[in-house]
C-alpha atoms as a PDB file:
ATOM      1  CA  MET A   1      19.225   6.039   4.552  1.00  0.00           C
ATOM      2  CA  ARG A   2      16.225   5.439   3.142  1.00  0.00           C
ATOM      3  CA  LYS A   3      12.327   5.957   4.816  1.00  0.00           C
ATOM      4  CA  ALA A   4       8.668   6.460   4.228  1.00  0.00           C
ATOM      5  CA  LEU A   5       5.995   7.305   5.803  1.00  0.00           C
ATOM      6  CA  VAL A   6       2.803   5.854   4.331  1.00  0.00           C
ATOM      7  CA  VAL A   7      -1.048   6.887   5.388  1.00  0.00           C
ATOM      8  CA  GLY A   8      -4.435   5.233   5.167  1.00  0.00           C
ATOM      9  CA  ILE A   9      -7.147   6.826   6.280  1.00  0.00           C
ATOM     10  CA  ASP A  10     -10.351   4.923   6.058  1.00  0.00           C
ATOM     11  CA  TYR A  11     -12.000   6.325   9.105  1.00  0.00           C
ATOM     12  CA  TYR A  12     -13.243   9.496  10.074  1.00  0.00           C
ATOM     13  CA  LEU A  13     -15.513  10.327  13.391  1.00  0.00           C
ATOM     14  CA  ASN A  14     -17.106  13.545  11.408  1.00  0.00           C
ATOM     15  CA  ILE A  15     -17.455  12.596   7.243  1.00  0.00           C
ATOM     16  CA  ASN A  16     -17.957   9.496   5.451  1.00  0.00           C
ATOM     17  CA  SER A  17     -15.713   6.987   6.649  1.00  0.00           C
ATOM     18  CA  LEU A  18     -13.394   5.404   3.038  1.00  0.00           C
ATOM     19  CA  SER A  19     -12.552   1.280   2.239  1.00  0.00           C
ATOM     20  CA  GLY A  20      -9.639   1.227   0.503  1.00  0.00           C
ATOM     21  CA  CYS A  21      -7.487   3.396   1.445  1.00  0.00           C
ATOM     22  CA  VAL A  22      -5.821   1.302   4.604  1.00  0.00           C
ATOM     23  CA  ASN A  23      -5.768  -1.606   1.963  1.00  0.00           C
ATOM     24  CA  ASP A  24      -3.872   0.831  -0.509  1.00  0.00           C
ATOM     25  CA  ALA A  25      -1.428   1.779   2.165  1.00  0.00           C
ATOM     26  CA  ASN A  26      -0.011  -1.488   3.311  1.00  0.00           C
ATOM     27  CA  SER A  27       0.130  -2.397  -0.399  1.00  0.00           C
ATOM     28  CA  VAL A  28       2.436   0.361  -0.858  1.00  0.00           C
ATOM     29  CA  THR A  29       4.040  -0.352   2.462  1.00  0.00           C
ATOM     30  CA  SER A  30       4.935  -4.207   1.043  1.00  0.00           C
ATOM     31  CA  VAL A  31       6.492  -2.777  -2.505  1.00  0.00           C
ATOM     32  CA  LEU A  32       9.029  -0.550  -0.704  1.00  0.00           C
ATOM     33  CA  GLU A  33      10.463  -2.196   2.438  1.00  0.00           C
ATOM     34  CA  ARG A  34      12.152  -4.917  -0.061  1.00  0.00           C
ATOM     35  CA  ASN A  35      13.889  -5.150  -3.493  1.00  0.00           C
ATOM     36  CA  SER A  36      12.474  -7.765  -6.003  1.00  0.00           C
ATOM     37  CA  ASP A  37      15.652  -9.959  -4.714  1.00  0.00           C
ATOM     38  CA  GLY A  38      14.571  -9.831  -0.513  1.00  0.00           C
ATOM     39  CA  THR A  39      17.130  -7.234   0.288  1.00  0.00           C
ATOM     40  CA  LYS A  40      15.903  -4.050   2.427  1.00  0.00           C
ATOM     41  CA  ASN A  41      15.010  -1.192   0.460  1.00  0.00           C
ATOM     42  CA  PHE A  42      12.726   1.232   2.783  1.00  0.00           C
ATOM     43  CA  ASP A  43      12.471   1.680   6.491  1.00  0.00           C
ATOM     44  CA  VAL A  44       8.902   2.825   6.477  1.00  0.00           C
ATOM     45  CA  VAL A  45       6.552   3.611   9.130  1.00  0.00           C
ATOM     46  CA  THR A  46       2.921   2.877   8.274  1.00  0.00           C
ATOM     47  CA  LEU A  47       0.414   4.907   9.971  1.00  0.00           C
ATOM     48  CA  THR A  48      -3.623   3.324   9.243  1.00  0.00           C
ATOM     49  CA  ALA A  49      -7.203   4.768  10.621  1.00  0.00           C
ATOM     50  CA  THR A  50     -10.182   1.641  10.713  1.00  0.00           C
ATOM     51  CA  SER A  51     -11.792   2.710  13.850  1.00  0.00           C
ATOM     52  CA  PRO A  52     -12.400   5.018  16.866  1.00  0.00           C
ATOM     53  CA  SER A  53      -9.094   3.503  18.369  1.00  0.00           C
ATOM     54  CA  SER A  54      -6.887   4.069  15.802  1.00  0.00           C
ATOM     55  CA  ILE A  55      -7.634   7.304  14.374  1.00  0.00           C
ATOM     56  CA  ILE A  56      -5.114   9.953  12.601  1.00  0.00           C
ATOM     57  CA  ALA A  57      -5.040  13.086  13.861  1.00  0.00           C
ATOM     58  CA  ARG A  58      -4.030  16.550  12.257  1.00  0.00           C
ATOM     59  CA  LYS A  59      -1.584  16.855  14.901  1.00  0.00           C
ATOM     60  CA  SER A  60      -0.468  13.437  14.900  1.00  0.00           C
ATOM     61  CA  LEU A  61       0.348  13.128  10.829  1.00  0.00           C
ATOM     62  CA  LYS A  62       1.935  16.077  11.216  1.00  0.00           C
ATOM     63  CA  ASP A  63       4.347  15.601  13.815  1.00  0.00           C
ATOM     64  CA  ALA A  64       5.047  12.352  11.899  1.00  0.00           C
ATOM     65  CA  VAL A  65       5.744  14.784   8.833  1.00  0.00           C
ATOM     66  CA  GLU A  66       8.296  16.941  10.357  1.00  0.00           C
ATOM     67  CA  LYS A  67      10.052  13.620  11.429  1.00  0.00           C
ATOM     68  CA  LEU A  68      10.011  12.264   8.033  1.00  0.00           C
ATOM     69  CA  PHE A  69      11.239  15.452   6.465  1.00  0.00           C
ATOM     70  CA  LYS A  70      14.042  16.252   9.363  1.00  0.00           C
ATOM     71  CA  ASP A  71      17.217  14.581   8.971  1.00  0.00           C
ATOM     72  CA  ASN A  72      19.824  15.200   7.013  1.00  0.00           C
ATOM     73  CA  ASN A  73      21.074  11.781   6.265  1.00  0.00           C
ATOM     74  CA  ASP A  74      18.661  10.921   4.442  1.00  0.00           C
ATOM     75  CA  GLN A  75      19.331   9.973   0.452  1.00  0.00           C
ATOM     76  CA  VAL A  76      15.501   9.610  -0.053  1.00  0.00           C
ATOM     77  CA  ALA A  77      12.108  10.593   2.689  1.00  0.00           C
ATOM     78  CA  LEU A  78       9.102   9.176   0.973  1.00  0.00           C
ATOM     79  CA  PHE A  79       5.688  10.461   1.810  1.00  0.00           C
ATOM     80  CA  TYR A  80       2.776   8.133   0.992  1.00  0.00           C
ATOM     81  CA  PHE A  81      -1.324   9.414   1.965  1.00  0.00           C
ATOM     82  CA  SER A  82      -4.361   7.637   0.961  1.00  0.00           C
ATOM     83  CA  GLY A  83      -7.674   9.042   1.969  1.00  0.00           C
ATOM     84  CA  HIS A  84     -10.089  12.497   1.526  1.00  0.00           C
ATOM     85  CA  GLY A  85      -8.793  15.305  -0.019  1.00  0.00           C
ATOM     86  CA  TYR A  86     -10.091  19.181   0.105  1.00  0.00           C
ATOM     87  CA  ILE A  87     -10.035  21.889  -1.866  1.00  0.00           C
ATOM     88  CA  GLU A  88     -10.767  25.705  -1.205  1.00  0.00           C
ATOM     89  CA  SER A  89      -9.071  29.150  -2.164  1.00  0.00           C
ATOM     90  CA  THR A  90      -6.805  29.146   0.434  1.00  0.00           C
ATOM     91  CA  GLY A  91      -5.561  25.856  -0.939  1.00  0.00           C
ATOM     92  CA  GLY A  92      -5.522  21.825  -0.283  1.00  0.00           C
ATOM     93  CA  TYR A  93      -5.813  19.724   2.330  1.00  0.00           C
ATOM     94  CA  LEU A  94      -5.144  16.253   3.522  1.00  0.00           C
ATOM     95  CA  VAL A  95      -7.983  15.280   5.757  1.00  0.00           C
ATOM     96  CA  THR A  96      -7.619  13.690   8.875  1.00  0.00           C
ATOM     97  CA  SER A  97      -9.839  11.139  11.090  1.00  0.00           C
ATOM     98  CA  ASP A  98     -10.883  14.511  13.527  1.00  0.00           C
ATOM     99  CA  SER A  99     -11.419  16.706  10.657  1.00  0.00           C
ATOM    100  CA  ASN A 100     -15.269  18.195  10.793  1.00  0.00           C
ATOM    101  CA  ASP A 101     -14.641  20.159   7.564  1.00  0.00           C
ATOM    102  CA  GLY A 102     -11.965  19.996   5.380  1.00  0.00           C
ATOM    103  CA  ASP A 103      -9.739  22.902   5.770  1.00  0.00           C
ATOM    104  CA  ASP A 104      -8.995  21.741   9.254  1.00  0.00           C
ATOM    105  CA  GLY A 105      -7.220  18.741   7.942  1.00  0.00           C
ATOM    106  CA  PHE A 106      -3.094  19.046   7.553  1.00  0.00           C
ATOM    107  CA  SER A 107      -2.732  21.932   4.542  1.00  0.00           C
ATOM    108  CA  ILE A 108      -0.950  20.531   1.592  1.00  0.00           C
ATOM    109  CA  ASN A 109       1.021  23.845   1.776  1.00  0.00           C
ATOM    110  CA  ASP A 110       2.617  22.855   4.715  1.00  0.00           C
ATOM    111  CA  LEU A 111       3.161  19.709   4.072  1.00  0.00           C
ATOM    112  CA  MET A 112       5.294  21.180   0.671  1.00  0.00           C
ATOM    113  CA  ALA A 113       6.644  23.910   3.325  1.00  0.00           C
ATOM    114  CA  LEU A 114       8.260  20.868   5.041  1.00  0.00           C
ATOM    115  CA  ALA A 115       9.540  19.053   2.300  1.00  0.00           C
ATOM    116  CA  ASN A 116      11.066  21.860   0.466  1.00  0.00           C
ATOM    117  CA  LYS A 117      12.931  22.917   3.934  1.00  0.00           C
ATOM    118  CA  SER A 118      13.981  19.327   4.617  1.00  0.00           C
ATOM    119  CA  PRO A 119      18.040  18.707   4.362  1.00  0.00           C
ATOM    120  CA  ALA A 120      17.083  15.468   2.634  1.00  0.00           C
ATOM    121  CA  LYS A 121      18.615  14.860  -0.817  1.00  0.00           C
ATOM    122  CA  ASN A 122      15.415  13.543  -2.098  1.00  0.00           C
ATOM    123  CA  LYS A 123      11.803  13.918  -1.250  1.00  0.00           C
ATOM    124  CA  ILE A 124       9.317  12.180  -2.681  1.00  0.00           C
ATOM    125  CA  ILE A 125       5.720  12.635  -2.504  1.00  0.00           C
ATOM    126  CA  ILE A 126       2.957  10.508  -3.140  1.00  0.00           C
ATOM    127  CA  LEU A 127      -0.781  11.232  -3.065  1.00  0.00           C
ATOM    128  CA  ASP A 128      -3.554   9.169  -4.048  1.00  0.00           C
ATOM    129  CA  CYS A 129      -6.746  11.771  -2.797  1.00  0.00           C
ATOM    130  CA  CYS A 130      -9.000  13.983  -4.676  1.00  0.00           C
ATOM    131  CA  HIS A 131      -7.747  17.497  -5.613  1.00  0.00           C
ATOM    132  CA  SER A 132      -4.179  16.209  -5.014  1.00  0.00           C
ATOM    133  CA  GLY A 133      -3.086  18.107  -7.538  1.00  0.00           C
ATOM    134  CA  ILE A 134      -2.916  21.329  -6.079  1.00  0.00           C
ATOM    135  CA  ALA A 135       0.488  20.063  -4.544  1.00  0.00           C
ATOM    136  CA  ALA A 136       3.044  22.883  -4.642  1.00  0.00           C
ATOM    137  CA  ASN A 137       1.053  25.027  -6.626  1.00  0.00           C
ATOM    138  CA  CYS A 138       1.728  28.643  -6.243  1.00  0.00           C
ATOM    139  CA  PRO A 139      -1.784  30.694  -6.002  1.00  0.00           C
ATOM    140  CA  ASP A 140      -0.878  33.828  -7.956  1.00  0.00           C
ATOM    141  CA  ASN A 141       0.521  31.520 -11.152  1.00  0.00           C
ATOM    142  CA  ASN A 142      -0.042  28.118 -10.757  1.00  0.00           C
ATOM    143  CA  THR A 143       3.317  26.830 -11.629  1.00  0.00           C
ATOM    144  CA  ALA A 144       4.875  24.501  -8.973  1.00  0.00           C
ATOM    145  CA  ILE A 145       7.491  25.424  -6.260  1.00  0.00           C
ATOM    146  CA  LEU A 146       9.685  22.862  -5.510  1.00  0.00           C
ATOM    147  CA  SER A 147      12.931  22.386  -3.971  1.00  0.00           C
ATOM    148  CA  GLU A 148      15.638  20.926  -5.450  1.00  0.00           C
ATOM    149  CA  GLY A 149      15.385  16.878  -5.252  1.00  0.00           C
ATOM    150  CA  THR A 150      11.630  17.303  -4.725  1.00  0.00           C
ATOM    151  CA  THR A 151       9.097  15.099  -7.012  1.00  0.00           C
ATOM    152  CA  ILE A 152       5.404  15.037  -6.175  1.00  0.00           C
ATOM    153  CA  MET A 153       3.133  12.262  -7.983  1.00  0.00           C
ATOM    154  CA  THR A 154      -0.683  13.107  -7.136  1.00  0.00           C
ATOM    155  CA  ALA A 155      -3.843  10.817  -8.431  1.00  0.00           C
ATOM    156  CA  SER A 156      -5.577  13.940  -9.797  1.00  0.00           C
ATOM    157  CA  SER A 157      -5.540  17.393 -10.776  1.00  0.00           C
ATOM    158  CA  SER A 158      -6.309  19.962  -8.385  1.00  0.00           C
ATOM    159  CA  GLU A 159      -9.949  19.732 -10.320  1.00  0.00           C
ATOM    160  CA  GLN A 160     -10.445  16.414 -10.143  1.00  0.00           C
ATOM    161  CA  TYR A 161     -11.676  13.577  -7.716  1.00  0.00           C
ATOM    162  CA  ALA A 162      -9.489  10.234  -6.899  1.00  0.00           C
ATOM    163  CA  MET A 163     -11.253   7.517  -8.536  1.00  0.00           C
ATOM    164  CA  GLU A 164     -11.426   3.884  -6.442  1.00  0.00           C
ATOM    165  CA  GLU A 165     -12.223   0.614  -8.447  1.00  0.00           C
ATOM    166  CA  ASN A 166     -12.224  -3.132  -6.825  1.00  0.00           C
ATOM    167  CA  GLY A 167     -11.515  -1.637  -3.547  1.00  0.00           C
ATOM    168  CA  SER A 168      -8.404   0.325  -4.208  1.00  0.00           C
ATOM    169  CA  GLY A 169      -7.658   3.535  -5.594  1.00  0.00           C
ATOM    170  CA  VAL A 170      -6.905   3.689  -9.323  1.00  0.00           C
ATOM    171  CA  PHE A 171      -3.933   5.214  -8.874  1.00  0.00           C
ATOM    172  CA  THR A 172      -2.148   3.560  -6.656  1.00  0.00           C
ATOM    173  CA  ALA A 173      -2.962   0.349  -7.810  1.00  0.00           C
ATOM    174  CA  LEU A 174      -1.098   1.448 -11.130  1.00  0.00           C
ATOM    175  CA  PHE A 175       1.839   2.516  -8.559  1.00  0.00           C
ATOM    176  CA  VAL A 176       2.145  -0.457  -7.218  1.00  0.00           C
ATOM    177  CA  ASP A 177       2.042  -2.578 -10.417  1.00  0.00           C
ATOM    178  CA  ALA A 178       4.669   0.134 -11.854  1.00  0.00           C
ATOM    179  CA  MET A 179       6.743  -1.020  -8.621  1.00  0.00           C
ATOM    180  CA  GLU A 180       6.713  -4.503  -9.128  1.00  0.00           C
ATOM    181  CA  GLY A 181       8.316  -4.429 -12.335  1.00  0.00           C
ATOM    182  CA  GLY A 182       5.960  -2.587 -14.867  1.00  0.00           C
ATOM    183  CA  ALA A 183       7.808   0.447 -14.686  1.00  0.00           C
ATOM    184  CA  SER A 184      11.550  -1.437 -14.774  1.00  0.00           C
ATOM    185  CA  ASN A 185      14.057  -0.597 -17.337  1.00  0.00           C
ATOM    186  CA  LEU A 186      16.310  -3.209 -18.682  1.00  0.00           C
ATOM    187  CA  VAL A 187      19.077  -3.477 -15.366  1.00  0.00           C
ATOM    188  CA  GLY A 188      16.020  -3.384 -13.217  1.00  0.00           C
ATOM    189  CA  ASP A 189      15.796   0.280 -12.136  1.00  0.00           C
ATOM    190  CA  ILE A 190      12.169   1.625 -11.673  1.00  0.00           C
ATOM    191  CA  THR A 191      12.211   5.321 -10.875  1.00  0.00           C
ATOM    192  CA  PRO A 192       9.935   8.181 -10.653  1.00  0.00           C
ATOM    193  CA  GLY A 193       9.631   9.108 -14.231  1.00  0.00           C
ATOM    194  CA  SER A 194       9.459   5.247 -15.335  1.00  0.00           C
ATOM    195  CA  ILE A 195       6.695   5.058 -12.483  1.00  0.00           C
ATOM    196  CA  TYR A 196       4.928   8.443 -13.979  1.00  0.00           C
ATOM    197  CA  ALA A 197       5.379   6.937 -16.978  1.00  0.00           C
ATOM    198  CA  HIS A 198       3.854   3.967 -16.860  1.00  0.00           C
ATOM    199  CA  ILE A 199       0.687   5.590 -14.467  1.00  0.00           C
ATOM    200  CA  ASP A 200       0.080   8.201 -17.531  1.00  0.00           C
ATOM    201  CA  GLN A 201       0.181   5.308 -20.213  1.00  0.00           C
ATOM    202  CA  SER A 202      -2.258   3.454 -18.165  1.00  0.00           C
ATOM    203  CA  LEU A 203      -4.933   5.993 -18.135  1.00  0.00           C
ATOM    204  CA  GLY A 204      -6.843   7.674 -21.047  1.00  0.00           C
ATOM    205  CA  PRO A 205      -8.061  10.989 -21.829  1.00  0.00           C
ATOM    206  CA  TRP A 206     -10.699  10.645 -20.446  1.00  0.00           C
ATOM    207  CA  ASP A 207      -9.822   9.136 -16.677  1.00  0.00           C
ATOM    208  CA  GLN A 208      -7.851  10.831 -14.255  1.00  0.00           C
ATOM    209  CA  ARG A 209      -5.076  12.651 -15.211  1.00  0.00           C
ATOM    210  CA  PRO A 210      -2.749  11.817 -12.512  1.00  0.00           C
ATOM    211  CA  ILE A 211       0.198  14.946 -11.875  1.00  0.00           C
ATOM    212  CA  PHE A 212       4.238  14.871 -11.906  1.00  0.00           C
ATOM    213  CA  LYS A 213       6.357  17.773 -10.939  1.00  0.00           C
ATOM    214  CA  THR A 214       9.713  17.211 -10.271  1.00  0.00           C
ATOM    215  CA  ASN A 215      12.818  19.234  -9.115  1.00  0.00           C
ATOM    216  CA  VAL A 216      16.055  17.110 -10.134  1.00  0.00           C
ATOM    217  CA  LYS A 217      19.456  16.755 -11.504  1.00  0.00           C
ATOM    218  CA  ASN A 218      18.903  12.662 -11.483  1.00  0.00           C
ATOM    219  CA  PHE A 219      15.949  10.464 -10.895  1.00  0.00           C
ATOM    220  CA  ILE A 220      16.931   7.918  -8.445  1.00  0.00           C
ATOM    221  CA  THR A 221      16.090   4.218  -8.104  1.00  0.00           C
ATOM    222  CA  LEU A 222      12.899   3.778  -5.721  1.00  0.00           C
ATOM    223  CA  ARG A 223      13.223  -0.102  -6.224  1.00  0.00           C
ATOM    224  CA  LYS A 224      15.156  -2.863  -7.919  1.00  0.00           C
ATOM    225  CA  VAL A 225      13.475  -6.046  -9.582  1.00  0.00           C
ATOM    226  CA  GLN A 226      14.979  -8.684 -11.705  1.00  0.00           C
ATOM    227  CA  PRO A 227      15.852  -6.986 -15.094  1.00  0.00           C
ATOM    228  CA  PRO A 228      14.433  -9.130 -18.201  1.00  0.00           C
ATOM    229  CA  ILE A 229      17.869  -9.762 -19.555  1.00  0.00           C
ATOM    230  CA  PRO A 230      20.485 -10.862 -17.637  1.00  0.00           C
ATOM    231  CA  LEU A 231      23.459  -8.055 -16.964  1.00  0.00           C
ATOM    232  CA  GLN A 232      25.870 -10.148 -18.184  1.00  0.00           C
ATOM    233  CA  ASP A 233      24.315 -10.702 -21.545  1.00  0.00           C
ATOM    234  CA  LEU A 234      23.227  -6.824 -21.960  1.00  0.00           C
ATOM    235  CA  LYS A 235      26.692  -6.161 -21.583  1.00  0.00           C
ATOM    236  CA  LYS A 236      27.865  -8.270 -25.113  1.00  0.00           C
ATOM    237  CA  ILE A 237      25.715  -6.111 -27.355  1.00  0.00           C
ATOM    238  CA  VAL A 238      28.958  -4.095 -27.799  1.00  0.00           C
ATOM    239  CA  GLU A 239      30.868  -7.020 -28.563  1.00  0.00           C
ATOM    240  CA  LEU A 240      27.988  -9.160 -31.212  1.00  0.00           C
ATOM    241  CA  PHE A 241      27.576  -5.157 -32.733  1.00  0.00           C
ATOM    242  CA  PRO A 242      30.951  -3.468 -32.523  1.00  0.00           C
ATOM    243  CA  THR A 243      29.178  -0.534 -34.017  1.00  0.00           C
ATOM    244  CA  MET A 244      25.882   0.411 -33.610  1.00  0.00           C
ATOM    245  CA  GLU A 245      24.790   0.574 -37.446  1.00  0.00           C
ATOM    246  CA  GLU A 246      26.745  -2.740 -38.079  1.00  0.00           C
ATOM    247  CA  GLU A 247      24.562  -5.766 -38.934  1.00  0.00           C
ATOM    248  CA  PHE A 248      24.868  -9.259 -36.925  1.00  0.00           C
ATOM    249  CA  LYS A 249      25.543 -12.033 -40.014  1.00  0.00           C
ATOM    250  CA  LEU A 250      23.422 -14.963 -39.506  1.00  0.00           C
ATOM    251  CA  ASP A 251      23.359 -18.463 -40.955  1.00  0.00           C
ATOM    252  CA  PRO A 252      22.329 -21.994 -40.397  1.00  0.00           C
ATOM    253  CA  GLU A 253      25.237 -22.763 -37.816  1.00  0.00           C
ATOM    254  CA  PHE A 254      23.306 -20.299 -35.599  1.00  0.00           C
ATOM    255  CA  GLU A 255      20.209 -22.324 -35.245  1.00  0.00           C
ATOM    256  CA  PRO A 256      20.278 -25.255 -32.809  1.00  0.00           C
ATOM    257  CA  THR A 257      17.328 -27.059 -34.765  1.00  0.00           C
ATOM    258  CA  SER A 258      19.654 -26.884 -38.124  1.00  0.00           C
ATOM    259  CA  GLU A 259      21.276 -30.146 -39.677  1.00  0.00           C
ATOM    260  CA  ASN A 260      24.900 -28.967 -38.632  1.00  0.00           C
ATOM    261  CA  PRO A 261      24.234 -26.516 -35.694  1.00  0.00           C
ATOM    262  CA  ASP A 262      28.064 -24.978 -34.070  1.00  0.00           C
ATOM    263  CA  PRO A 263      28.234 -24.536 -30.307  1.00  0.00           C
ATOM    264  CA  GLY A 264      29.773 -21.518 -30.440  1.00  0.00           C
ATOM    265  CA  LYS A 265      27.611 -19.868 -32.929  1.00  0.00           C
ATOM    266  CA  MET A 266      24.503 -21.393 -31.002  1.00  0.00           C
ATOM    267  CA  LYS A 267      25.348 -19.478 -27.714  1.00  0.00           C
ATOM    268  CA  LYS A 268      25.769 -15.879 -29.512  1.00  0.00           C
ATOM    269  CA  PHE A 269      22.431 -16.830 -31.241  1.00  0.00           C
ATOM    270  CA  ALA A 270      20.895 -17.306 -27.689  1.00  0.00           C
ATOM    271  CA  VAL A 271      22.138 -14.073 -26.324  1.00  0.00           C
ATOM    272  CA  LEU A 272      20.743 -12.373 -29.995  1.00  0.00           C
ATOM    273  CA  GLN A 273      17.788 -13.985 -29.344  1.00  0.00           C
ATOM    274  CA  LYS A 274      16.903 -12.567 -25.724  1.00  0.00           C
ATOM    275  CA  PHE A 275      17.996  -8.974 -27.400  1.00  0.00           C
ATOM    276  CA  ASN A 276      15.368 -10.045 -30.051  1.00  0.00           C
ATOM    277  CA  ARG A 277      12.947 -11.028 -26.735  1.00  0.00           C
ATOM    278  CA  VAL A 278      13.295  -7.146 -25.521  1.00  0.00           C
ATOM    279  CA  ASN A 279      13.372  -5.282 -28.369  1.00  0.00           C
ATOM    280  CA  LEU A 280      16.980  -4.202 -28.727  1.00  0.00           C
ATOM    281  CA  VAL A 281      17.532  -6.377 -31.690  1.00  0.00           C
ATOM    282  CA  VAL A 282      15.089  -7.501 -35.030  1.00  0.00           C
ATOM    283  CA  PRO A 283      15.953  -9.544 -37.501  1.00  0.00           C
ATOM    284  CA  VAL A 284      16.608  -8.424 -41.390  1.00  0.00           C
ATOM    285  CA  ALA A 285      14.257  -9.081 -43.904  1.00  0.00           C
ATOM    286  CA  ALA A 286      12.713 -11.920 -42.008  1.00  0.00           C
ATOM    287  CA  GLU A 287       9.479 -12.375 -39.940  1.00  0.00           C
ATOM    288  CA  HIS A 288      11.905 -14.230 -37.081  1.00  0.00           C
ATOM    289  CA  MET A 289      15.437 -14.740 -36.015  1.00  0.00           C
ATOM    290  CA  TYR A 290      15.170 -18.662 -36.574  1.00  0.00           C
ATOM    291  CA  TYR A 291      14.461 -17.704 -40.498  1.00  0.00           C
ATOM    292  CA  ALA A 292      17.135 -15.180 -40.319  1.00  0.00           C
ATOM    293  CA  ALA A 293      19.279 -18.057 -39.690  1.00  0.00           C
ATOM    294  CA  MET A 294      18.395 -20.437 -41.886  1.00  0.00           C
ATOM    295  CA  ASP A 295      17.989 -17.997 -44.436  1.00  0.00           C
ATOM    296  CA  SER A 296      21.566 -16.520 -43.726  1.00  0.00           C
ATOM    297  CA  LYS A 297      20.156 -13.591 -43.234  1.00  0.00           C
ATOM    298  CA  SER A 298      21.099 -10.753 -40.777  1.00  0.00           C
ATOM    299  CA  CYS A 299      19.909  -9.109 -37.489  1.00  0.00           C
ATOM    300  CA  LYS A 300      20.060  -5.391 -36.508  1.00  0.00           C
ATOM    301  CA  LEU A 301      19.796  -3.008 -33.006  1.00  0.00           C
ATOM    302  CA  THR A 302      16.393  -1.456 -32.846  1.00  0.00           C
ATOM    303  CA  VAL A 303      15.950   2.460 -31.580  1.00  0.00           C
ATOM    304  CA  LEU A 304      16.323   0.794 -28.183  1.00  0.00           C
ATOM    305  CA  GLY A 305      19.076  -1.172 -29.083  1.00  0.00           C
ATOM    306  CA  LYS A 306      21.378   1.438 -29.759  1.00  0.00           C
ATOM    307  CA  HIS A 307      20.548   3.353 -26.638  1.00  0.00           C
ATOM    308  CA  TYR A 308      21.610   0.480 -24.440  1.00  0.00           C
ATOM    309  CA  TRP A 309      25.073  -0.284 -27.024  1.00  0.00           C
ATOM    310  CA  ARG A 310      25.693   3.703 -25.928  1.00  0.00           C
ATOM    311  CA  LEU A 311      25.194   3.287 -22.186  1.00  0.00           C
ATOM    312  CA  VAL A 312      27.229  -0.058 -22.748  1.00  0.00           C
ATOM    313  CA  LYS A 313      30.117   1.175 -24.644  1.00  0.00           C
ATOM    314  CA  LYS A 314      30.286   4.316 -22.407  1.00  0.00           C
ATOM    315  CA  GLY A 315      30.736   2.274 -19.305  1.00  0.00           C
ATOM    316  CA  ARG A 316      26.771   3.441 -17.847  1.00  0.00           C
ATOM    317  CA  ILE A 317      25.809  -0.144 -16.828  1.00  0.00           C
END
């Protein structure tokens, strides 16, 4: 089972309301529910606060989180929150609609206690709120306390605010972009690690800094998307390159526009050109694969190409 609790709070009874958190929650729900081919991914419960009639109180949020993390049949239990965050000497808080002061919200320490005790195999916590990087920090030495199988991604460090841009949280916009394919590998898998790398690379040193904490043996796939190269073509890498260091010799018969193209060679060249487009292969002593063929040069595996060669050779793909 893969289930997610997605929370967005725009409306607050006693403090300044927000405007983009509910939209962010709905965007996250949409990208979690289905893989890119339409197959079912997560069963999502979405809680949003937009008005006095739909507030999210501390008690209801805590109850929902307890329900999320209690099932031992879950492969993945994912929690996402967008709203106000608050920090003080006793720790951090997810500010709920009924809060008067930030410290009467849902304690992040309580959130982490529920996640750490959860029997679910994988616990994913994603927080887009100010000061969210305090999650799982030990107050004595600032180290992270995470049970096995737990991963945390936060919009900012414990000292920083989480910024909005164009009506959406900067962090959530990048998260959704990553889940839509920006963080995919060549077989279409998107993992927490690749999502964080995508977000990290998109934000400069002067921007808010996302925080990533994890205690896992293996990254799970959070979403599947259409891979940039068909799997059956990717597996041909070990056929075209019997060894990683071997160059593939080309000649004009590989190029369809040459005077005497060879059908068999053209099929291989089409696959090699796909490899070239995703940086698995580069031409040797030529600017383009076309010229490598026309000038009877060769092509070779890149460092990334050698990585995928090993994966195919070992049967990992």
